Amino acid sequence: MAKSKTRYKHGDYIIREIKGRYYVYKLENVGGDVKERYVGPLDKIVEFYISSGGVGVSPTMRPPGFEPGTSCVAGRRPNPG
């Protein structure tokens, strides 16, 4: 029977399955060679992401500030009137 795929690549990251657990590696160019740098177990990375408030928050948008008009959508500011 054929063994299922145990390596998944997305951009510069690789996820490997080893003994039923998943581990994350980052591809880096070092002197013309591509090296894999170990990041950590996937479950711990996801737990950290969730606990840091990463779920539901766009990583490219800043959180709203205390001053009125600092949080705007699509470049439109609220009407002060």
PDB file of N, CA and C in Angstrom:
ATOM      1  N   MET A   1       0.834  -1.178   0.000  1.00  0.00           N
ATOM      2  CA  MET A   1       0.000   0.000   0.000  1.00  0.00           C
ATOM      3  C   MET A   1       0.886   1.251   0.000  1.00  0.00           C
ATOM      4  N   ALA A   2       0.512   2.257  -0.757  1.00  0.00           N
ATOM      5  CA  ALA A   2       1.316   3.473  -0.849  1.00  0.00           C
ATOM      6  C   ALA A   2       1.170   4.315   0.411  1.00  0.00           C
ATOM      7  N   LYS A   3       2.289   4.894   0.814  1.00  0.00           N
ATOM      8  CA  LYS A   3       2.288   5.758   1.992  1.00  0.00           C
ATOM      9  C   LYS A   3       1.752   7.133   1.598  1.00  0.00           C
ATOM     10  N   SER A   4       0.957   7.743   2.482  1.00  0.00           N
ATOM     11  CA  SER A   4       0.387   9.055   2.172  1.00  0.00           C
ATOM     12  C   SER A   4       1.459  10.139   2.264  1.00  0.00           C
ATOM     13  N   LYS A   5       1.160  11.284   1.692  1.00  0.00           N
ATOM     14  CA  LYS A   5       2.096  12.404   1.665  1.00  0.00           C
ATOM     15  C   LYS A   5       2.386  12.890   3.081  1.00  0.00           C
ATOM     16  N   THR A   6       3.659  13.069   3.407  1.00  0.00           N
ATOM     17  CA  THR A   6       4.027  13.503   4.754  1.00  0.00           C
ATOM     18  C   THR A   6       4.750  14.843   4.743  1.00  0.00           C
ATOM     19  N   ARG A   7       4.737  15.543   3.599  1.00  0.00           N
ATOM     20  CA  ARG A   7       5.414  16.837   3.505  1.00  0.00           C
ATOM     21  C   ARG A   7       4.508  17.786   2.734  1.00  0.00           C
ATOM     22  N   TYR A   8       4.263  18.963   3.313  1.00  0.00           N
ATOM     23  CA  TYR A   8       3.420  19.974   2.682  1.00  0.00           C
ATOM     24  C   TYR A   8       4.220  21.260   2.595  1.00  0.00           C
ATOM     25  N   LYS A   9       4.242  21.887   1.415  1.00  0.00           N
ATOM     26  CA  LYS A   9       5.023  23.108   1.220  1.00  0.00           C
ATOM     27  C   LYS A   9       4.091  24.251   0.861  1.00  0.00           C
ATOM     28  N   HIS A  10       4.318  25.402   1.501  1.00  0.00           N
ATOM     29  CA  HIS A  10       3.570  26.615   1.181  1.00  0.00           C
ATOM     30  C   HIS A  10       4.549  27.779   1.263  1.00  0.00           C
ATOM     31  N   GLY A  11       4.905  28.339   0.122  1.00  0.00           N
ATOM     32  CA  GLY A  11       5.863  29.443   0.102  1.00  0.00           C
ATOM     33  C   GLY A  11       7.206  28.990   0.644  1.00  0.00           C
ATOM     34  N   ASP A  12       7.693  29.683   1.678  1.00  0.00           N
ATOM     35  CA  ASP A  12       8.982  29.359   2.290  1.00  0.00           C
ATOM     36  C   ASP A  12       8.850  28.420   3.477  1.00  0.00           C
ATOM     37  N   TYR A  13       7.690  27.834   3.690  1.00  0.00           N
ATOM     38  CA  TYR A  13       7.472  26.970   4.853  1.00  0.00           C
ATOM     39  C   TYR A  13       7.144  25.545   4.424  1.00  0.00           C
ATOM     40  N   ILE A  14       7.638  24.598   5.212  1.00  0.00           N
ATOM     41  CA  ILE A  14       7.364  23.179   4.998  1.00  0.00           C
ATOM     42  C   ILE A  14       6.775  22.626   6.282  1.00  0.00           C
ATOM     43  N   ILE A  15       5.725  21.829   6.152  1.00  0.00           N
ATOM     44  CA  ILE A  15       5.150  21.114   7.296  1.00  0.00           C
ATOM     45  C   ILE A  15       5.399  19.635   7.049  1.00  0.00           C
ATOM     46  N   ARG A  16       6.058  18.982   8.006  1.00  0.00           N
ATOM     47  CA  ARG A  16       6.363  17.555   7.888  1.00  0.00           C
ATOM     48  C   ARG A  16       5.596  16.779   8.945  1.00  0.00           C
ATOM     49  N   GLU A  17       5.084  15.616   8.543  1.00  0.00           N
ATOM     50  CA  GLU A  17       4.442  14.722   9.499  1.00  0.00           C
ATOM     51  C   GLU A  17       5.456  13.667   9.911  1.00  0.00           C
ATOM     52  N   ILE A  18       5.707  13.569  11.214  1.00  0.00           N
ATOM     53  CA  ILE A  18       6.626  12.576  11.762  1.00  0.00           C
ATOM     54  C   ILE A  18       5.923  11.894  12.924  1.00  0.00           C
ATOM     55  N   LYS A  19       5.682  10.601  12.790  1.00  0.00           N
ATOM     56  CA  LYS A  19       5.017   9.800  13.823  1.00  0.00           C
ATOM     57  C   LYS A  19       3.685  10.405  14.262  1.00  0.00           C
ATOM     58  N   GLY A  20       2.904  10.883  13.305  1.00  0.00           N
ATOM     59  CA  GLY A  20       1.576  11.405  13.599  1.00  0.00           C
ATOM     60  C   GLY A  20       1.540  12.832  14.112  1.00  0.00           C
ATOM     61  N   ARG A  21       2.680  13.485  14.233  1.00  0.00           N
ATOM     62  CA  ARG A  21       2.733  14.890  14.667  1.00  0.00           C
ATOM     63  C   ARG A  21       3.279  15.730  13.524  1.00  0.00           C
ATOM     64  N   TYR A  22       2.940  17.026  13.531  1.00  0.00           N
ATOM     65  CA  TYR A  22       3.350  17.917  12.454  1.00  0.00           C
ATOM     66  C   TYR A  22       4.360  18.934  12.972  1.00  0.00           C
ATOM     67  N   TYR A  23       5.409  19.173  12.160  1.00  0.00           N
ATOM     68  CA  TYR A  23       6.479  20.092  12.523  1.00  0.00           C
ATOM     69  C   TYR A  23       6.701  21.077  11.381  1.00  0.00           C
ATOM     70  N   VAL A  24       7.038  22.330  11.732  1.00  0.00           N
ATOM     71  CA  VAL A  24       7.176  23.405  10.753  1.00  0.00           C
ATOM     72  C   VAL A  24       8.651  23.750  10.573  1.00  0.00           C
ATOM     73  N   TYR A  25       9.053  23.914   9.318  1.00  0.00           N
ATOM     74  CA  TYR A  25      10.408  24.309   8.954  1.00  0.00           C
ATOM     75  C   TYR A  25      10.321  25.492   8.001  1.00  0.00           C
ATOM     76  N   LYS A  26      11.304  26.400   8.088  1.00  0.00           N
ATOM     77  CA  LYS A  26      11.367  27.553   7.187  1.00  0.00           C
ATOM     78  C   LYS A  26      12.550  27.363   6.254  1.00  0.00           C
ATOM     79  N   LEU A  27      12.322  27.565   4.957  1.00  0.00           N
ATOM     80  CA  LEU A  27      13.398  27.463   3.978  1.00  0.00           C
ATOM     81  C   LEU A  27      14.176  28.769   3.947  1.00  0.00           C
ATOM     82  N   GLU A  28      15.516  28.669   4.014  1.00  0.00           N
ATOM     83  CA  GLU A  28      16.377  29.855   3.975  1.00  0.00           C
ATOM     84  C   GLU A  28      17.500  29.618   2.982  1.00  0.00           C
ATOM     85  N   ASN A  29      17.901  30.671   2.285  1.00  0.00           N
ATOM     86  CA  ASN A  29      19.042  30.596   1.375  1.00  0.00           C
ATOM     87  C   ASN A  29      20.300  30.978   2.135  1.00  0.00           C
ATOM     88  N   VAL A  30      21.262  30.052   2.187  1.00  0.00           N
ATOM     89  CA  VAL A  30      22.527  30.290   2.881  1.00  0.00           C
ATOM     90  C   VAL A  30      23.653  29.983   1.902  1.00  0.00           C
ATOM     91  N   GLY A  31      24.309  31.025   1.421  1.00  0.00           N
ATOM     92  CA  GLY A  31      25.428  30.843   0.504  1.00  0.00           C
ATOM     93  C   GLY A  31      25.069  30.093  -0.764  1.00  0.00           C
ATOM     94  N   GLY A  32      23.908  30.338  -1.303  1.00  0.00           N
ATOM     95  CA  GLY A  32      23.476  29.678  -2.521  1.00  0.00           C
ATOM     96  C   GLY A  32      22.802  28.340  -2.303  1.00  0.00           C
ATOM     97  N   ASP A  33      22.862  27.810  -1.089  1.00  0.00           N
ATOM     98  CA  ASP A  33      22.193  26.551  -0.762  1.00  0.00           C
ATOM     99  C   ASP A  33      20.900  26.842  -0.012  1.00  0.00           C
ATOM    100  N   VAL A  34      19.916  25.980  -0.194  1.00  0.00           N
ATOM    101  CA  VAL A  34      18.654  26.112   0.528  1.00  0.00           C
ATOM    102  C   VAL A  34      18.722  25.224   1.762  1.00  0.00           C
ATOM    103  N   LYS A  35      18.542  25.829   2.934  1.00  0.00           N
ATOM    104  CA  LYS A  35      18.580  25.103   4.207  1.00  0.00           C
ATOM    105  C   LYS A  35      17.203  25.155   4.838  1.00  0.00           C
ATOM    106  N   GLU A  36      16.878  24.131   5.624  1.00  0.00           N
ATOM    107  CA  GLU A  36      15.629  24.104   6.378  1.00  0.00           C
ATOM    108  C   GLU A  36      15.936  24.438   7.830  1.00  0.00           C
ATOM    109  N   ARG A  37      15.281  25.492   8.353  1.00  0.00           N
ATOM    110  CA  ARG A  37      15.452  25.865   9.763  1.00  0.00           C
ATOM    111  C   ARG A  37      14.199  25.443  10.518  1.00  0.00           C
ATOM    112  N   TYR A  38      14.391  24.688  11.593  1.00  0.00           N
ATOM    113  CA  TYR A  38      13.273  24.199  12.397  1.00  0.00           C
ATOM    114  C   TYR A  38      12.604  25.365  13.117  1.00  0.00           C
ATOM    115  N   VAL A  39      11.274  25.460  13.025  1.00  0.00           N
ATOM    116  CA  VAL A  39      10.515  26.514  13.702  1.00  0.00           C
ATOM    117  C   VAL A  39       9.892  25.971  14.979  1.00  0.00           C
ATOM    118  N   GLY A  40       9.174  24.847  14.884  1.00  0.00           N
ATOM    119  CA  GLY A  40       8.553  24.256  16.059  1.00  0.00           C
ATOM    120  C   GLY A  40       7.415  23.338  15.675  1.00  0.00           C
ATOM    121  N   PRO A  41       6.799  22.703  16.686  1.00  0.00           N
ATOM    122  CA  PRO A  41       5.650  21.845  16.395  1.00  0.00           C
ATOM    123  C   PRO A  41       4.443  22.693  16.001  1.00  0.00           C
ATOM    124  N   LEU A  42       3.694  22.227  15.016  1.00  0.00           N
ATOM    125  CA  LEU A  42       2.566  22.987  14.481  1.00  0.00           C
ATOM    126  C   LEU A  42       1.525  23.293  15.546  1.00  0.00           C
ATOM    127  N   ASP A  43       1.234  22.341  16.439  1.00  0.00           N
ATOM    128  CA  ASP A  43       0.204  22.588  17.455  1.00  0.00           C
ATOM    129  C   ASP A  43       0.596  23.722  18.392  1.00  0.00           C
ATOM    130  N   LYS A  44       1.873  23.837  18.745  1.00  0.00           N
ATOM    131  CA  LYS A  44       2.327  24.930  19.626  1.00  0.00           C
ATOM    132  C   LYS A  44       2.292  26.272  18.897  1.00  0.00           C
ATOM    133  N   ILE A  45       2.611  26.273  17.613  1.00  0.00           N
ATOM    134  CA  ILE A  45       2.566  27.511  16.826  1.00  0.00           C
ATOM    135  C   ILE A  45       1.134  28.017  16.733  1.00  0.00           C
ATOM    136  N   VAL A  46       0.182  27.118  16.498  1.00  0.00           N
ATOM    137  CA  VAL A  46      -1.229  27.507  16.409  1.00  0.00           C
ATOM    138  C   VAL A  46      -1.736  27.990  17.765  1.00  0.00           C
ATOM    139  N   GLU A  47      -1.385  27.299  18.846  1.00  0.00           N
ATOM    140  CA  GLU A  47      -1.795  27.731  20.193  1.00  0.00           C
ATOM    141  C   GLU A  47      -1.277  29.132  20.496  1.00  0.00           C
ATOM    142  N   PHE A  48      -0.020  29.407  20.158  1.00  0.00           N
ATOM    143  CA  PHE A  48       0.546  30.737  20.396  1.00  0.00           C
ATOM    144  C   PHE A  48      -0.183  31.790  19.567  1.00  0.00           C
ATOM    145  N   TYR A  49      -0.473  31.479  18.312  1.00  0.00           N
ATOM    146  CA  TYR A  49      -1.165  32.421  17.429  1.00  0.00           C
ATOM    147  C   TYR A  49      -2.543  32.769  17.977  1.00  0.00           C
ATOM    148  N   ILE A  50      -3.271  31.767  18.439  1.00  0.00           N
ATOM    149  CA  ILE A  50      -4.606  32.004  18.990  1.00  0.00           C
ATOM    150  C   ILE A  50      -4.520  32.795  20.289  1.00  0.00           C
ATOM    151  N   SER A  51      -3.591  32.444  21.177  1.00  0.00           N
ATOM    152  CA  SER A  51      -3.482  33.134  22.468  1.00  0.00           C
ATOM    153  C   SER A  51      -2.994  34.571  22.325  1.00  0.00           C
ATOM    154  N   SER A  52      -2.294  34.882  21.234  1.00  0.00           N
ATOM    155  CA  SER A  52      -1.805  36.249  21.041  1.00  0.00           C
ATOM    156  C   SER A  52      -2.839  37.141  20.369  1.00  0.00           C
ATOM    157  N   GLY A  53      -4.048  36.609  20.135  1.00  0.00           N
ATOM    158  CA  GLY A  53      -5.108  37.418  19.532  1.00  0.00           C
ATOM    159  C   GLY A  53      -5.053  37.435  18.028  1.00  0.00           C
ATOM    160  N   GLY A  54      -4.367  36.495  17.424  1.00  0.00           N
ATOM    161  CA  GLY A  54      -4.207  36.477  15.981  1.00  0.00           C
ATOM    162  C   GLY A  54      -5.439  36.063  15.216  1.00  0.00           C
ATOM    163  N   VAL A  55      -6.385  35.401  15.852  1.00  0.00           N
ATOM    164  CA  VAL A  55      -7.573  34.921  15.146  1.00  0.00           C
ATOM    165  C   VAL A  55      -8.586  36.050  15.021  1.00  0.00           C
ATOM    166  N   GLY A  56      -9.040  36.312  13.806  1.00  0.00           N
ATOM    167  CA  GLY A  56     -10.047  37.334  13.575  1.00  0.00           C
ATOM    168  C   GLY A  56      -9.486  38.733  13.418  1.00  0.00           C
ATOM    169  N   VAL A  57      -8.182  38.903  13.553  1.00  0.00           N
ATOM    170  CA  VAL A  57      -7.548  40.207  13.417  1.00  0.00           C
ATOM    171  C   VAL A  57      -6.663  40.163  12.183  1.00  0.00           C
ATOM    172  N   SER A  58      -6.854  41.105  11.287  1.00  0.00           N
ATOM    173  CA  SER A  58      -6.027  41.156  10.097  1.00  0.00           C
ATOM    174  C   SER A  58      -4.605  41.534  10.490  1.00  0.00           C
ATOM    175  N   PRO A  59      -3.590  40.776  10.061  1.00  0.00           N
ATOM    176  CA  PRO A  59      -2.222  41.113  10.438  1.00  0.00           C
ATOM    177  C   PRO A  59      -1.708  42.370   9.754  1.00  0.00           C
ATOM    178  N   THR A  60      -2.436  42.882   8.740  1.00  0.00           N
ATOM    179  CA  THR A  60      -1.986  44.072   8.030  1.00  0.00           C
ATOM    180  C   THR A  60      -2.668  45.347   8.514  1.00  0.00           C
ATOM    181  N   MET A  61      -3.670  45.243   9.384  1.00  0.00           N
ATOM    182  CA  MET A  61      -4.361  46.433   9.885  1.00  0.00           C
ATOM    183  C   MET A  61      -3.979  46.693  11.327  1.00  0.00           C
ATOM    184  N   ARG A  62      -3.769  47.952  11.656  1.00  0.00           N
ATOM    185  CA  ARG A  62      -3.494  48.315  13.037  1.00  0.00           C
ATOM    186  C   ARG A  62      -4.799  48.322  13.810  1.00  0.00           C
ATOM    187  N   PRO A  63      -4.741  48.057  15.120  1.00  0.00           N
ATOM    188  CA  PRO A  63      -5.963  48.153  15.915  1.00  0.00           C
ATOM    189  C   PRO A  63      -6.407  49.606  16.016  1.00  0.00           C
ATOM    190  N   PRO A  64      -7.693  49.864  16.260  1.00  0.00           N
ATOM    191  CA  PRO A  64      -8.159  51.246  16.351  1.00  0.00           C
ATOM    192  C   PRO A  64      -7.494  51.980  17.507  1.00  0.00           C
ATOM    193  N   GLY A  65      -7.238  53.272  17.308  1.00  0.00           N
ATOM    194  CA  GLY A  65      -6.614  54.092  18.340  1.00  0.00           C
ATOM    195  C   GLY A  65      -7.645  54.734  19.243  1.00  0.00           C
ATOM    196  N   PHE A  66      -7.180  55.569  20.163  1.00  0.00           N
ATOM    197  CA  PHE A  66      -8.072  56.239  21.099  1.00  0.00           C
ATOM    198  C   PHE A  66      -8.673  57.509  20.505  1.00  0.00           C
ATOM    199  N   GLU A  67      -8.000  58.101  19.526  1.00  0.00           N
ATOM    200  CA  GLU A  67      -8.489  59.339  18.933  1.00  0.00           C
ATOM    201  C   GLU A  67      -9.576  59.034  17.913  1.00  0.00           C
ATOM    202  N   PRO A  68     -10.614  59.879  17.832  1.00  0.00           N
ATOM    203  CA  PRO A  68     -11.643  59.650  16.816  1.00  0.00           C
ATOM    204  C   PRO A  68     -11.061  59.829  15.417  1.00  0.00           C
ATOM    205  N   GLY A  69     -11.497  58.987  14.521  1.00  0.00           N
ATOM    206  CA  GLY A  69     -11.049  59.104  13.138  1.00  0.00           C
ATOM    207  C   GLY A  69      -9.777  58.350  12.821  1.00  0.00           C
ATOM    208  N   THR A  70      -9.167  57.672  13.807  1.00  0.00           N
ATOM    209  CA  THR A  70      -7.934  56.942  13.512  1.00  0.00           C
ATOM    210  C   THR A  70      -8.212  55.579  12.912  1.00  0.00           C
ATOM    211  N   SER A  71      -9.388  55.033  13.188  1.00  0.00           N
ATOM    212  CA  SER A  71      -9.721  53.742  12.574  1.00  0.00           C
ATOM    213  C   SER A  71     -10.690  54.008  11.437  1.00  0.00           C
ATOM    214  N   CYS A  72     -10.219  53.780  10.223  1.00  0.00           N
ATOM    215  CA  CYS A  72     -11.063  54.049   9.066  1.00  0.00           C
ATOM    216  C   CYS A  72     -11.055  52.841   8.148  1.00  0.00           C
ATOM    217  N   VAL A  73     -12.111  52.730   7.373  1.00  0.00           N
ATOM    218  CA  VAL A  73     -12.255  51.619   6.458  1.00  0.00           C
ATOM    219  C   VAL A  73     -12.097  52.145   5.044  1.00  0.00           C
ATOM    220  N   ALA A  74     -11.221  51.546   4.279  1.00  0.00           N
ATOM    221  CA  ALA A  74     -10.998  51.885   2.865  1.00  0.00           C
ATOM    222  C   ALA A  74     -10.682  53.366   2.669  1.00  0.00           C
ATOM    223  N   GLY A  75      -9.961  53.964   3.603  1.00  0.00           N
ATOM    224  CA  GLY A  75      -9.524  55.341   3.453  1.00  0.00           C
ATOM    225  C   GLY A  75     -10.581  56.383   3.743  1.00  0.00           C
ATOM    226  N   ARG A  76     -11.773  55.981   4.186  1.00  0.00           N
ATOM    227  CA  ARG A  76     -12.841  56.942   4.481  1.00  0.00           C
ATOM    228  C   ARG A  76     -12.868  57.212   5.974  1.00  0.00           C
ATOM    229  N   ARG A  77     -12.934  58.458   6.339  1.00  0.00           N
ATOM    230  CA  ARG A  77     -13.007  58.834   7.750  1.00  0.00           C
ATOM    231  C   ARG A  77     -14.458  59.119   8.122  1.00  0.00           C
ATOM    232  N   PRO A  78     -14.833  58.844   9.365  1.00  0.00           N
ATOM    233  CA  PRO A  78     -16.211  59.130   9.779  1.00  0.00           C
ATOM    234  C   PRO A  78     -16.504  60.624   9.746  1.00  0.00           C
ATOM    235  N   ASN A  79     -17.754  60.971   9.485  1.00  0.00           N
ATOM    236  CA  ASN A  79     -18.188  62.359   9.437  1.00  0.00           C
ATOM    237  C   ASN A  79     -18.224  62.916  10.862  1.00  0.00           C
ATOM    238  N   PRO A  80     -17.452  63.992  11.169  1.00  0.00           N
ATOM    239  CA  PRO A  80     -17.423  64.524  12.536  1.00  0.00           C
ATOM    240  C   PRO A  80     -18.714  65.249  12.925  1.00  0.00           C
ATOM    241  N   GLY A  81     -19.609  65.488  11.988  1.00  0.00           N
ATOM    242  CA  GLY A  81     -20.819  66.259  12.224  1.00  0.00           C
ATOM    243  C   GLY A  81     -21.864  65.506  12.872  1.00  0.00           C
TER     244      GLY A  81
END
